[in-house]
Full PDB file with SEQRES, HELIX, SHEET, SSBOND, CRYST1, ORIGX, SCALE, CONECT and MASTER records, all heavy atoms in Angstrom:
SEQRES   1 A   36  GLU ILE ILE LEU HIS ALA TYR TRP LEU GLY ASP ILE LEU          
SEQRES   2 A   36  LEU VAL VAL GLY PHE ILE TYR LEU ILE GLY LEU ARG SER          
SEQRES   3 A   36  ALA LYS GLN SER PRO ALA ASN LEU ILE THR                      
HELIX    1 AA1 ILE A    2  SER A   26  1                                  25    
HELIX    2 AA2 ALA A   32  ILE A   35  1                                   4    
CRYST1    1.000    1.000    1.000  90.00  90.00  90.00 P 1           1          
ORIGX1      1.000000  0.000000  0.000000        0.00000                         
ORIGX2      0.000000  1.000000  0.000000        0.00000                         
ORIGX3      0.000000  0.000000  1.000000        0.00000                         
SCALE1      1.000000  0.000000  0.000000        0.00000                         
SCALE2      0.000000  1.000000  0.000000        0.00000                         
SCALE3      0.000000  0.000000  1.000000        0.00000                         
ATOM      1  N   GLU A   1      77.045 -30.587   7.913  1.00  0.00           N  
ATOM      2  CA  GLU A   1      75.830 -31.011   7.223  1.00  0.00           C  
ATOM      3  C   GLU A   1      74.716 -29.979   7.300  1.00  0.00           C  
ATOM      4  O   GLU A   1      73.884 -29.898   6.400  1.00  0.00           O  
ATOM      5  CB  GLU A   1      75.352 -32.356   7.796  1.00  0.00           C  
ATOM      6  CG  GLU A   1      76.279 -33.501   7.442  1.00  0.00           C  
ATOM      7  CD  GLU A   1      75.580 -34.850   7.598  1.00  0.00           C  
ATOM      8  OE1 GLU A   1      74.368 -34.871   7.894  1.00  0.00           O  
ATOM      9  OE2 GLU A   1      76.261 -35.871   7.425  1.00  0.00           O  
ATOM     10  N   ILE A   2      74.678 -29.191   8.352  1.00  0.00           N  
ATOM     11  CA  ILE A   2      73.648 -28.148   8.461  1.00  0.00           C  
ATOM     12  C   ILE A   2      73.816 -27.134   7.332  1.00  0.00           C  
ATOM     13  O   ILE A   2      72.846 -26.741   6.663  1.00  0.00           O  
ATOM     14  CB  ILE A   2      73.737 -27.441   9.840  1.00  0.00           C  
ATOM     15  CG1 ILE A   2      73.401 -28.436  10.949  1.00  0.00           C  
ATOM     16  CG2 ILE A   2      72.806 -26.236   9.877  1.00  0.00           C  
ATOM     17  CD1 ILE A   2      73.540 -27.858  12.348  1.00  0.00           C  
ATOM     18  N   ILE A   3      75.060 -26.736   7.086  1.00  0.00           N  
ATOM     19  CA  ILE A   3      75.331 -25.769   6.009  1.00  0.00           C  
ATOM     20  C   ILE A   3      75.004 -26.383   4.650  1.00  0.00           C  
ATOM     21  O   ILE A   3      74.382 -25.739   3.787  1.00  0.00           O  
ATOM     22  CB  ILE A   3      76.805 -25.311   6.056  1.00  0.00           C  
ATOM     23  CG1 ILE A   3      77.071 -24.520   7.338  1.00  0.00           C  
ATOM     24  CG2 ILE A   3      77.156 -24.467   4.819  1.00  0.00           C  
ATOM     25  CD1 ILE A   3      78.526 -24.122   7.541  1.00  0.00           C  
ATOM     26  N   LEU A   4      75.408 -27.640   4.431  1.00  0.00           N  
ATOM     27  CA  LEU A   4      75.189 -28.293   3.136  1.00  0.00           C  
ATOM     28  C   LEU A   4      73.699 -28.508   2.864  1.00  0.00           C  
ATOM     29  O   LEU A   4      73.237 -28.328   1.730  1.00  0.00           O  
ATOM     30  CB  LEU A   4      75.938 -29.624   3.092  1.00  0.00           C  
ATOM     31  CG  LEU A   4      77.468 -29.525   3.221  1.00  0.00           C  
ATOM     32  CD1 LEU A   4      78.103 -30.908   3.185  1.00  0.00           C  
ATOM     33  CD2 LEU A   4      78.051 -28.653   2.109  1.00  0.00           C  
ATOM     34  N   HIS A   5      72.943 -28.869   3.893  1.00  0.00           N  
ATOM     35  CA  HIS A   5      71.507 -29.053   3.717  1.00  0.00           C  
ATOM     36  C   HIS A   5      70.807 -27.706   3.512  1.00  0.00           C  
ATOM     37  O   HIS A   5      69.866 -27.591   2.724  1.00  0.00           O  
ATOM     38  CB  HIS A   5      70.897 -29.793   4.917  1.00  0.00           C  
ATOM     39  CG  HIS A   5      71.179 -31.264   4.904  1.00  0.00           C  
ATOM     40  ND1 HIS A   5      72.013 -31.864   5.823  1.00  0.00           N  
ATOM     41  CD2 HIS A   5      70.769 -32.251   4.075  1.00  0.00           C  
ATOM     42  CE1 HIS A   5      72.092 -33.163   5.577  1.00  0.00           C  
ATOM     43  NE2 HIS A   5      71.341 -33.427   4.507  1.00  0.00           N  
ATOM     44  N   ALA A   6      71.278 -26.685   4.227  1.00  0.00           N  
ATOM     45  CA  ALA A   6      70.692 -25.356   4.078  1.00  0.00           C  
ATOM     46  C   ALA A   6      70.907 -24.816   2.673  1.00  0.00           C  
ATOM     47  O   ALA A   6      70.068 -24.086   2.127  1.00  0.00           O  
ATOM     48  CB  ALA A   6      71.294 -24.396   5.105  1.00  0.00           C  
ATOM     49  N   TYR A   7      72.028 -25.203   2.057  1.00  0.00           N  
ATOM     50  CA  TYR A   7      72.335 -24.770   0.690  1.00  0.00           C  
ATOM     51  C   TYR A   7      71.211 -25.187  -0.260  1.00  0.00           C  
ATOM     52  O   TYR A   7      70.697 -24.382  -1.046  1.00  0.00           O  
ATOM     53  CB  TYR A   7      73.665 -25.382   0.242  1.00  0.00           C  
ATOM     54  CG  TYR A   7      74.086 -24.987  -1.159  1.00  0.00           C  
ATOM     55  CD1 TYR A   7      74.924 -23.904  -1.366  1.00  0.00           C  
ATOM     56  CD2 TYR A   7      73.643 -25.715  -2.279  1.00  0.00           C  
ATOM     57  CE1 TYR A   7      75.317 -23.542  -2.640  1.00  0.00           C  
ATOM     58  CE2 TYR A   7      74.033 -25.357  -3.554  1.00  0.00           C  
ATOM     59  CZ  TYR A   7      74.866 -24.274  -3.737  1.00  0.00           C  
ATOM     60  OH  TYR A   7      75.244 -23.924  -4.993  1.00  0.00           O  
ATOM     61  N   TRP A   8      70.819 -26.456  -0.182  1.00  0.00           N  
ATOM     62  CA  TRP A   8      69.780 -26.956  -1.086  1.00  0.00           C  
ATOM     63  C   TRP A   8      68.387 -26.538  -0.645  1.00  0.00           C  
ATOM     64  O   TRP A   8      67.477 -26.440  -1.476  1.00  0.00           O  
ATOM     65  CB  TRP A   8      69.866 -28.480  -1.183  1.00  0.00           C  
ATOM     66  CG  TRP A   8      71.116 -28.928  -1.873  1.00  0.00           C  
ATOM     67  CD1 TRP A   8      72.149 -29.631  -1.339  1.00  0.00           C  
ATOM     68  CD2 TRP A   8      71.469 -28.671  -3.233  1.00  0.00           C  
ATOM     69  NE1 TRP A   8      73.135 -29.839  -2.266  1.00  0.00           N  
ATOM     70  CE2 TRP A   8      72.743 -29.261  -3.450  1.00  0.00           C  
ATOM     71  CE3 TRP A   8      70.850 -28.005  -4.286  1.00  0.00           C  
ATOM     72  CZ2 TRP A   8      73.395 -29.202  -4.663  1.00  0.00           C  
ATOM     73  CZ3 TRP A   8      71.510 -27.950  -5.514  1.00  0.00           C  
ATOM     74  CH2 TRP A   8      72.759 -28.535  -5.698  1.00  0.00           C  
ATOM     75  N   LEU A   9      68.215 -26.270   0.640  1.00  0.00           N  
ATOM     76  CA  LEU A   9      66.905 -25.846   1.128  1.00  0.00           C  
ATOM     77  C   LEU A   9      66.478 -24.531   0.468  1.00  0.00           C  
ATOM     78  O   LEU A   9      65.306 -24.356   0.114  1.00  0.00           O  
ATOM     79  CB  LEU A   9      66.933 -25.682   2.651  1.00  0.00           C  
ATOM     80  CG  LEU A   9      65.615 -25.231   3.312  1.00  0.00           C  
ATOM     81  CD1 LEU A   9      64.520 -26.273   3.054  1.00  0.00           C  
ATOM     82  CD2 LEU A   9      65.817 -25.004   4.802  1.00  0.00           C  
ATOM     83  N   GLY A  10      67.431 -23.615   0.296  1.00  0.00           N  
ATOM     84  CA  GLY A  10      67.119 -22.350  -0.369  1.00  0.00           C  
ATOM     85  C   GLY A  10      66.607 -22.567  -1.778  1.00  0.00           C  
ATOM     86  O   GLY A  10      65.623 -21.940  -2.206  1.00  0.00           O  
ATOM     87  N   ASP A  11      67.254 -23.469  -2.512  1.00  0.00           N  
ATOM     88  CA  ASP A  11      66.815 -23.775  -3.884  1.00  0.00           C  
ATOM     89  C   ASP A  11      65.430 -24.403  -3.895  1.00  0.00           C  
ATOM     90  O   ASP A  11      64.592 -24.083  -4.749  1.00  0.00           O  
ATOM     91  CB  ASP A  11      67.814 -24.721  -4.567  1.00  0.00           C  
ATOM     92  CG  ASP A  11      69.073 -23.991  -5.008  1.00  0.00           C  
ATOM     93  OD1 ASP A  11      69.054 -22.746  -4.975  1.00  0.00           O  
ATOM     94  OD2 ASP A  11      70.059 -24.647  -5.372  1.00  0.00           O  
ATOM     95  N   ILE A  12      65.197 -25.319  -2.955  1.00  0.00           N  
ATOM     96  CA  ILE A  12      63.905 -26.003  -2.900  1.00  0.00           C  
ATOM     97  C   ILE A  12      62.779 -25.003  -2.610  1.00  0.00           C  
ATOM     98  O   ILE A  12      61.721 -25.035  -3.250  1.00  0.00           O  
ATOM     99  CB  ILE A  12      63.936 -27.115  -1.820  1.00  0.00           C  
ATOM    100  CG1 ILE A  12      64.882 -28.241  -2.268  1.00  0.00           C  
ATOM    101  CG2 ILE A  12      62.536 -27.659  -1.564  1.00  0.00           C  
ATOM    102  CD1 ILE A  12      65.183 -29.248  -1.181  1.00  0.00           C  
ATOM    103  N   LEU A  13      63.008 -24.108  -1.661  1.00  0.00           N  
ATOM    104  CA  LEU A  13      61.998 -23.090  -1.334  1.00  0.00           C  
ATOM    105  C   LEU A  13      61.711 -22.190  -2.532  1.00  0.00           C  
ATOM    106  O   LEU A  13      60.565 -21.804  -2.771  1.00  0.00           O  
ATOM    107  CB  LEU A  13      62.462 -22.248  -0.146  1.00  0.00           C  
ATOM    108  CG  LEU A  13      62.494 -22.955   1.218  1.00  0.00           C  
ATOM    109  CD1 LEU A  13      63.119 -22.048   2.269  1.00  0.00           C  
ATOM    110  CD2 LEU A  13      61.085 -23.364   1.637  1.00  0.00           C  
ATOM    111  N   LEU A  14      62.742 -21.877  -3.299  1.00  0.00           N  
ATOM    112  CA  LEU A  14      62.575 -21.030  -4.480  1.00  0.00           C  
ATOM    113  C   LEU A  14      61.720 -21.740  -5.531  1.00  0.00           C  
ATOM    114  O   LEU A  14      60.804 -21.148  -6.112  1.00  0.00           O  
ATOM    115  CB  LEU A  14      63.947 -20.677  -5.064  1.00  0.00           C  
ATOM    116  CG  LEU A  14      63.990 -19.584  -6.138  1.00  0.00           C  
ATOM    117  CD1 LEU A  14      63.393 -18.291  -5.615  1.00  0.00           C  
ATOM    118  CD2 LEU A  14      65.417 -19.359  -6.603  1.00  0.00           C  
ATOM    119  N   VAL A  15      61.999 -23.014  -5.766  1.00  0.00           N  
ATOM    120  CA  VAL A  15      61.221 -23.783  -6.741  1.00  0.00           C  
ATOM    121  C   VAL A  15      59.764 -23.906  -6.288  1.00  0.00           C  
ATOM    122  O   VAL A  15      58.835 -23.716  -7.085  1.00  0.00           O  
ATOM    123  CB  VAL A  15      61.850 -25.184  -6.948  1.00  0.00           C  
ATOM    124  CG1 VAL A  15      60.924 -26.063  -7.781  1.00  0.00           C  
ATOM    125  CG2 VAL A  15      63.208 -25.061  -7.622  1.00  0.00           C  
ATOM    126  N   VAL A  16      59.563 -24.208  -5.003  1.00  0.00           N  
ATOM    127  CA  VAL A  16      58.198 -24.325  -4.470  1.00  0.00           C  
ATOM    128  C   VAL A  16      57.464 -22.997  -4.622  1.00  0.00           C  
ATOM    129  O   VAL A  16      56.276 -22.956  -4.985  1.00  0.00           O  
ATOM    130  CB  VAL A  16      58.222 -24.755  -2.985  1.00  0.00           C  
ATOM    131  CG1 VAL A  16      56.840 -24.634  -2.357  1.00  0.00           C  
ATOM    132  CG2 VAL A  16      58.725 -26.194  -2.869  1.00  0.00           C  
ATOM    133  N   GLY A  17      58.171 -21.899  -4.373  1.00  0.00           N  
ATOM    134  CA  GLY A  17      57.568 -20.575  -4.511  1.00  0.00           C  
ATOM    135  C   GLY A  17      57.103 -20.306  -5.927  1.00  0.00           C  
ATOM    136  O   GLY A  17      56.000 -19.787  -6.140  1.00  0.00           O  
ATOM    137  N   PHE A  18      57.912 -20.679  -6.903  1.00  0.00           N  
ATOM    138  CA  PHE A  18      57.532 -20.458  -8.303  1.00  0.00           C  
ATOM    139  C   PHE A  18      56.366 -21.368  -8.715  1.00  0.00           C  
ATOM    140  O   PHE A  18      55.499 -20.956  -9.481  1.00  0.00           O  
ATOM    141  CB  PHE A  18      58.737 -20.678  -9.221  1.00  0.00           C  
ATOM    142  CG  PHE A  18      59.580 -19.452  -9.390  1.00  0.00           C  
ATOM    143  CD1 PHE A  18      60.835 -19.371  -8.803  1.00  0.00           C  
ATOM    144  CD2 PHE A  18      59.116 -18.356 -10.120  1.00  0.00           C  
ATOM    145  CE1 PHE A  18      61.610 -18.227  -8.938  1.00  0.00           C  
ATOM    146  CE2 PHE A  18      59.886 -17.219 -10.262  1.00  0.00           C  
ATOM    147  CZ  PHE A  18      61.139 -17.151  -9.677  1.00  0.00           C  
ATOM    148  N   ILE A  19      56.358 -22.596  -8.220  1.00  0.00           N  
ATOM    149  CA  ILE A  19      55.234 -23.499  -8.520  1.00  0.00           C  
ATOM    150  C   ILE A  19      53.941 -22.921  -7.947  1.00  0.00           C  
ATOM    151  O   ILE A  19      52.892 -22.922  -8.603  1.00  0.00           O  
ATOM    152  CB  ILE A  19      55.517 -24.912  -7.961  1.00  0.00           C  
ATOM    153  CG1 ILE A  19      56.675 -25.561  -8.731  1.00  0.00           C  
ATOM    154  CG2 ILE A  19      54.259 -25.774  -8.047  1.00  0.00           C  
ATOM    155  CD1 ILE A  19      57.138 -26.876  -8.132  1.00  0.00           C  
ATOM    156  N   TYR A  20      54.034 -22.404  -6.727  1.00  0.00           N  
ATOM    157  CA  TYR A  20      52.866 -21.785  -6.080  1.00  0.00           C  
ATOM    158  C   TYR A  20      52.404 -20.561  -6.871  1.00  0.00           C  
ATOM    159  O   TYR A  20      51.209 -20.345  -7.078  1.00  0.00           O  
ATOM    160  CB  TYR A  20      53.228 -21.409  -4.652  1.00  0.00           C  
ATOM    161  CG  TYR A  20      52.108 -20.754  -3.872  1.00  0.00           C  
ATOM    162  CD1 TYR A  20      50.898 -21.413  -3.652  1.00  0.00           C  
ATOM    163  CD2 TYR A  20      52.256 -19.476  -3.344  1.00  0.00           C  
ATOM    164  CE1 TYR A  20      49.874 -20.814  -2.934  1.00  0.00           C  
ATOM    165  CE2 TYR A  20      51.230 -18.872  -2.624  1.00  0.00           C  
ATOM    166  CZ  TYR A  20      50.045 -19.546  -2.425  1.00  0.00           C  
ATOM    167  OH  TYR A  20      49.032 -18.951  -1.724  1.00  0.00           O  
ATOM    168  N   LEU A  21      53.362 -19.766  -7.342  1.00  0.00           N  
ATOM    169  CA  LEU A  21      53.026 -18.569  -8.123  1.00  0.00           C  
ATOM    170  C   LEU A  21      52.326 -18.950  -9.427  1.00  0.00           C  
ATOM    171  O   LEU A  21      51.338 -18.323  -9.819  1.00  0.00           O  
ATOM    172  CB  LEU A  21      54.297 -17.769  -8.423  1.00  0.00           C  
ATOM    173  CG  LEU A  21      54.104 -16.533  -9.315  1.00  0.00           C  
ATOM    174  CD1 LEU A  21      53.195 -15.515  -8.645  1.00  0.00           C  
ATOM    175  CD2 LEU A  21      55.462 -15.900  -9.630  1.00  0.00           C  
ATOM    176  N   ILE A  22      52.825 -19.991 -10.089  1.00  0.00           N  
ATOM    177  CA  ILE A  22      52.203 -20.450 -11.337  1.00  0.00           C  
ATOM    178  C   ILE A  22      50.763 -20.863 -11.082  1.00  0.00           C  
ATOM    179  O   ILE A  22      49.863 -20.576 -11.876  1.00  0.00           O  
ATOM    180  CB  ILE A  22      53.016 -21.608 -11.954  1.00  0.00           C  
ATOM    181  CG1 ILE A  22      54.364 -21.083 -12.456  1.00  0.00           C  
ATOM    182  CG2 ILE A  22      52.242 -22.261 -13.103  1.00  0.00           C  
ATOM    183  CD1 ILE A  22      55.348 -22.167 -12.849  1.00  0.00           C  
ATOM    184  N   GLY A  23      50.538 -21.536  -9.947  1.00  0.00           N  
ATOM    185  CA  GLY A  23      49.177 -21.928  -9.591  1.00  0.00           C  
ATOM    186  C   GLY A  23      48.275 -20.733  -9.376  1.00  0.00           C  
ATOM    187  O   GLY A  23      47.117 -20.718  -9.828  1.00  0.00           O  
ATOM    188  N   LEU A  24      48.789 -19.710  -8.707  1.00  0.00           N  
ATOM    189  CA  LEU A  24      48.000 -18.496  -8.478  1.00  0.00           C  
ATOM    190  C   LEU A  24      47.710 -17.775  -9.779  1.00  0.00           C  
ATOM    191  O   LEU A  24      46.597 -17.270 -10.004  1.00  0.00           O  
ATOM    192  CB  LEU A  24      48.743 -17.564  -7.516  1.00  0.00           C  
ATOM    193  CG  LEU A  24      48.859 -18.017  -6.062  1.00  0.00           C  
ATOM    194  CD1 LEU A  24      49.684 -17.024  -5.255  1.00  0.00           C  
ATOM    195  CD2 LEU A  24      47.469 -18.163  -5.425  1.00  0.00           C  
ATOM    196  N   ARG A  25      48.690 -17.717 -10.675  1.00  0.00           N  
ATOM    197  CA  ARG A  25      48.488 -17.023 -11.951  1.00  0.00           C  
ATOM    198  C   ARG A  25      47.481 -17.779 -12.809  1.00  0.00           C  
ATOM    199  O   ARG A  25      46.727 -17.168 -13.568  1.00  0.00           O  
ATOM    200  CB  ARG A  25      49.811 -16.887 -12.714  1.00  0.00           C  
ATOM    201  CG  ARG A  25      50.930 -16.223 -11.932  1.00  0.00           C  
ATOM    202  CD  ARG A  25      51.101 -14.762 -11.993  1.00  0.00           C  
ATOM    203  NE  ARG A  25      50.908 -14.008 -13.149  1.00  0.00           N  
ATOM    204  CZ  ARG A  25      51.845 -13.229 -13.684  1.00  0.00           C  
ATOM    205  NH1 ARG A  25      53.072 -13.234 -13.204  1.00  0.00           N  
ATOM    206  NH2 ARG A  25      51.566 -12.451 -14.668  1.00  0.00           N  
ATOM    207  N   SER A  26      47.474 -19.101 -12.696  1.00  0.00           N  
ATOM    208  CA  SER A  26      46.475 -19.895 -13.424  1.00  0.00           C  
ATOM    209  C   SER A  26      45.074 -19.561 -12.939  1.00  0.00           C  
ATOM    210  O   SER A  26      44.105 -19.627 -13.698  1.00  0.00           O  
ATOM    211  CB  SER A  26      46.748 -21.391 -13.252  1.00  0.00           C  
ATOM    212  OG  SER A  26      48.011 -21.733 -13.779  1.00  0.00           O  
ATOM    213  N   ALA A  27      44.976 -19.214 -11.651  1.00  0.00           N  
ATOM    214  CA  ALA A  27      43.687 -18.815 -11.069  1.00  0.00           C  
ATOM    215  C   ALA A  27      43.435 -17.320 -11.267  1.00  0.00           C  
ATOM    216  O   ALA A  27      42.557 -16.748 -10.626  1.00  0.00           O  
ATOM    217  CB  ALA A  27      43.654 -19.173  -9.591  1.00  0.00           C  
ATOM    218  N   LYS A  28      44.264 -16.700 -12.127  1.00  0.00           N  
ATOM    219  CA  LYS A  28      44.146 -15.276 -12.473  1.00  0.00           C  
ATOM    220  C   LYS A  28      44.324 -14.379 -11.258  1.00  0.00           C  
ATOM    221  O   LYS A  28      43.642 -13.370 -11.096  1.00  0.00           O  
ATOM    222  CB  LYS A  28      42.815 -14.995 -13.176  1.00  0.00           C  
ATOM    223  CG  LYS A  28      42.688 -15.715 -14.521  1.00  0.00           C  
ATOM    224  CD  LYS A  28      41.436 -15.315 -15.262  1.00  0.00           C  
ATOM    225  CE  LYS A  28      41.393 -15.994 -16.638  1.00  0.00           C  
ATOM    226  NZ  LYS A  28      40.194 -15.636 -17.398  1.00  0.00           N  
ATOM    227  N   GLN A  29      45.278 -14.781 -10.407  1.00  0.00           N  
ATOM    228  CA  GLN A  29      45.683 -13.929  -9.290  1.00  0.00           C  
ATOM    229  C   GLN A  29      47.135 -13.512  -9.514  1.00  0.00           C  
ATOM    230  O   GLN A  29      47.913 -14.265 -10.094  1.00  0.00           O  
ATOM    231  CB  GLN A  29      45.566 -14.675  -7.962  1.00  0.00           C  
ATOM    232  CG  GLN A  29      44.143 -15.105  -7.616  1.00  0.00           C  
ATOM    233  CD  GLN A  29      44.092 -15.812  -6.281  1.00  0.00           C  
ATOM    234  OE1 GLN A  29      44.643 -15.347  -5.287  1.00  0.00           O  
ATOM    235  NE2 GLN A  29      43.421 -16.950  -6.248  1.00  0.00           N  
ATOM    236  N   SER A  30      47.487 -12.314  -9.079  1.00  0.00           N  
ATOM    237  CA  SER A  30      48.844 -11.801  -9.274  1.00  0.00           C  
ATOM    238  C   SER A  30      49.343 -11.169  -7.972  1.00  0.00           C  
ATOM    239  O   SER A  30      49.267  -9.955  -7.802  1.00  0.00           O  
ATOM    240  CB  SER A  30      48.868 -10.770 -10.417  1.00  0.00           C  
ATOM    241  OG  SER A  30      50.188 -10.360 -10.683  1.00  0.00           O  
ATOM    242  N   PRO A  31      49.847 -11.995  -7.037  1.00  0.00           N  
ATOM    243  CA  PRO A  31      50.283 -11.477  -5.734  1.00  0.00           C  
ATOM    244  C   PRO A  31      51.590 -10.699  -5.851  1.00  0.00           C  
ATOM    245  O   PRO A  31      52.662 -11.284  -6.011  1.00  0.00           O  
ATOM    246  CB  PRO A  31      50.458 -12.754  -4.900  1.00  0.00           C  
ATOM    247  CG  PRO A  31      50.756 -13.823  -5.908  1.00  0.00           C  
ATOM    248  CD  PRO A  31      50.055 -13.440  -7.170  1.00  0.00           C  
ATOM    249  N   ALA A  32      51.500  -9.377  -5.752  1.00  0.00           N  
ATOM    250  CA  ALA A  32      52.668  -8.514  -5.971  1.00  0.00           C  
ATOM    251  C   ALA A  32      53.787  -8.800  -4.973  1.00  0.00           C  
ATOM    252  O   ALA A  32      54.966  -8.854  -5.349  1.00  0.00           O  
ATOM    253  CB  ALA A  32      52.254  -7.054  -5.906  1.00  0.00           C  
ATOM    254  N   ASN A  33      53.444  -9.005  -3.696  1.00  0.00           N  
ATOM    255  CA  ASN A  33      54.473  -9.234  -2.680  1.00  0.00           C  
ATOM    256  C   ASN A  33      55.231 -10.531  -2.924  1.00  0.00           C  
ATOM    257  O   ASN A  33      56.451 -10.592  -2.757  1.00  0.00           O  
ATOM    258  CB  ASN A  33      53.850  -9.246  -1.282  1.00  0.00           C  
ATOM    259  CG  ASN A  33      53.472  -7.862  -0.809  1.00  0.00           C  
ATOM    260  OD1 ASN A  33      54.047  -6.870  -1.271  1.00  0.00           O  
ATOM    261  ND2 ASN A  33      52.512  -7.768   0.098  1.00  0.00           N  
ATOM    262  N   LEU A  34      54.509 -11.587  -3.318  1.00  0.00           N  
ATOM    263  CA  LEU A  34      55.162 -12.864  -3.607  1.00  0.00           C  
ATOM    264  C   LEU A  34      56.110 -12.717  -4.789  1.00  0.00           C  
ATOM    265  O   LEU A  34      57.242 -13.228  -4.763  1.00  0.00           O  
ATOM    266  CB  LEU A  34      54.110 -13.943  -3.898  1.00  0.00           C  
ATOM    267  CG  LEU A  34      54.664 -15.320  -4.278  1.00  0.00           C  
ATOM    268  CD1 LEU A  34      55.531 -15.890  -3.164  1.00  0.00           C  
ATOM    269  CD2 LEU A  34      53.525 -16.286  -4.619  1.00  0.00           C  
ATOM    270  N   ILE A  35      55.669 -12.047  -5.826  1.00  0.00           N  
ATOM    271  CA  ILE A  35      56.525 -11.836  -7.003  1.00  0.00           C  
ATOM    272  C   ILE A  35      57.785 -11.075  -6.612  1.00  0.00           C  
ATOM    273  O   ILE A  35      58.897 -11.409  -7.038  1.00  0.00           O  
ATOM    274  CB  ILE A  35      55.748 -11.083  -8.103  1.00  0.00           C  
ATOM    275  CG1 ILE A  35      54.612 -11.957  -8.639  1.00  0.00           C  
ATOM    276  CG2 ILE A  35      56.677 -10.671  -9.241  1.00  0.00           C  
ATOM    277  CD1 ILE A  35      53.655 -11.237  -9.573  1.00  0.00           C  
ATOM    278  N   THR A  36      57.621 -10.044  -5.792  1.00  0.00           N  
ATOM    279  CA  THR A  36      58.757  -9.233  -5.352  1.00  0.00           C  
ATOM    280  C   THR A  36      59.773 -10.065  -4.581  1.00  0.00           C  
ATOM    281  O   THR A  36      60.986 -10.009  -4.850  1.00  0.00           O  
ATOM    282  CB  THR A  36      58.264  -8.070  -4.468  1.00  0.00           C  
ATOM    283  OG1 THR A  36      57.457  -7.192  -5.264  1.00  0.00           O  
ATOM    284  CG2 THR A  36      59.434  -7.290  -3.896  1.00  0.00           C  
TER     285      THR A  36                                                      
MASTER        0    0    0    2    0    0    0    6  284    1    0    3          
END                                                                             
């Protein structure tokens, strides 16, 4: 179960990261390190 849960955790973190990035871009910020 640790492996199976970790599988989806990676996807969830990626989605959260993109949502956060969209919020920053809406505020006219462009964090290069986050994008990378």
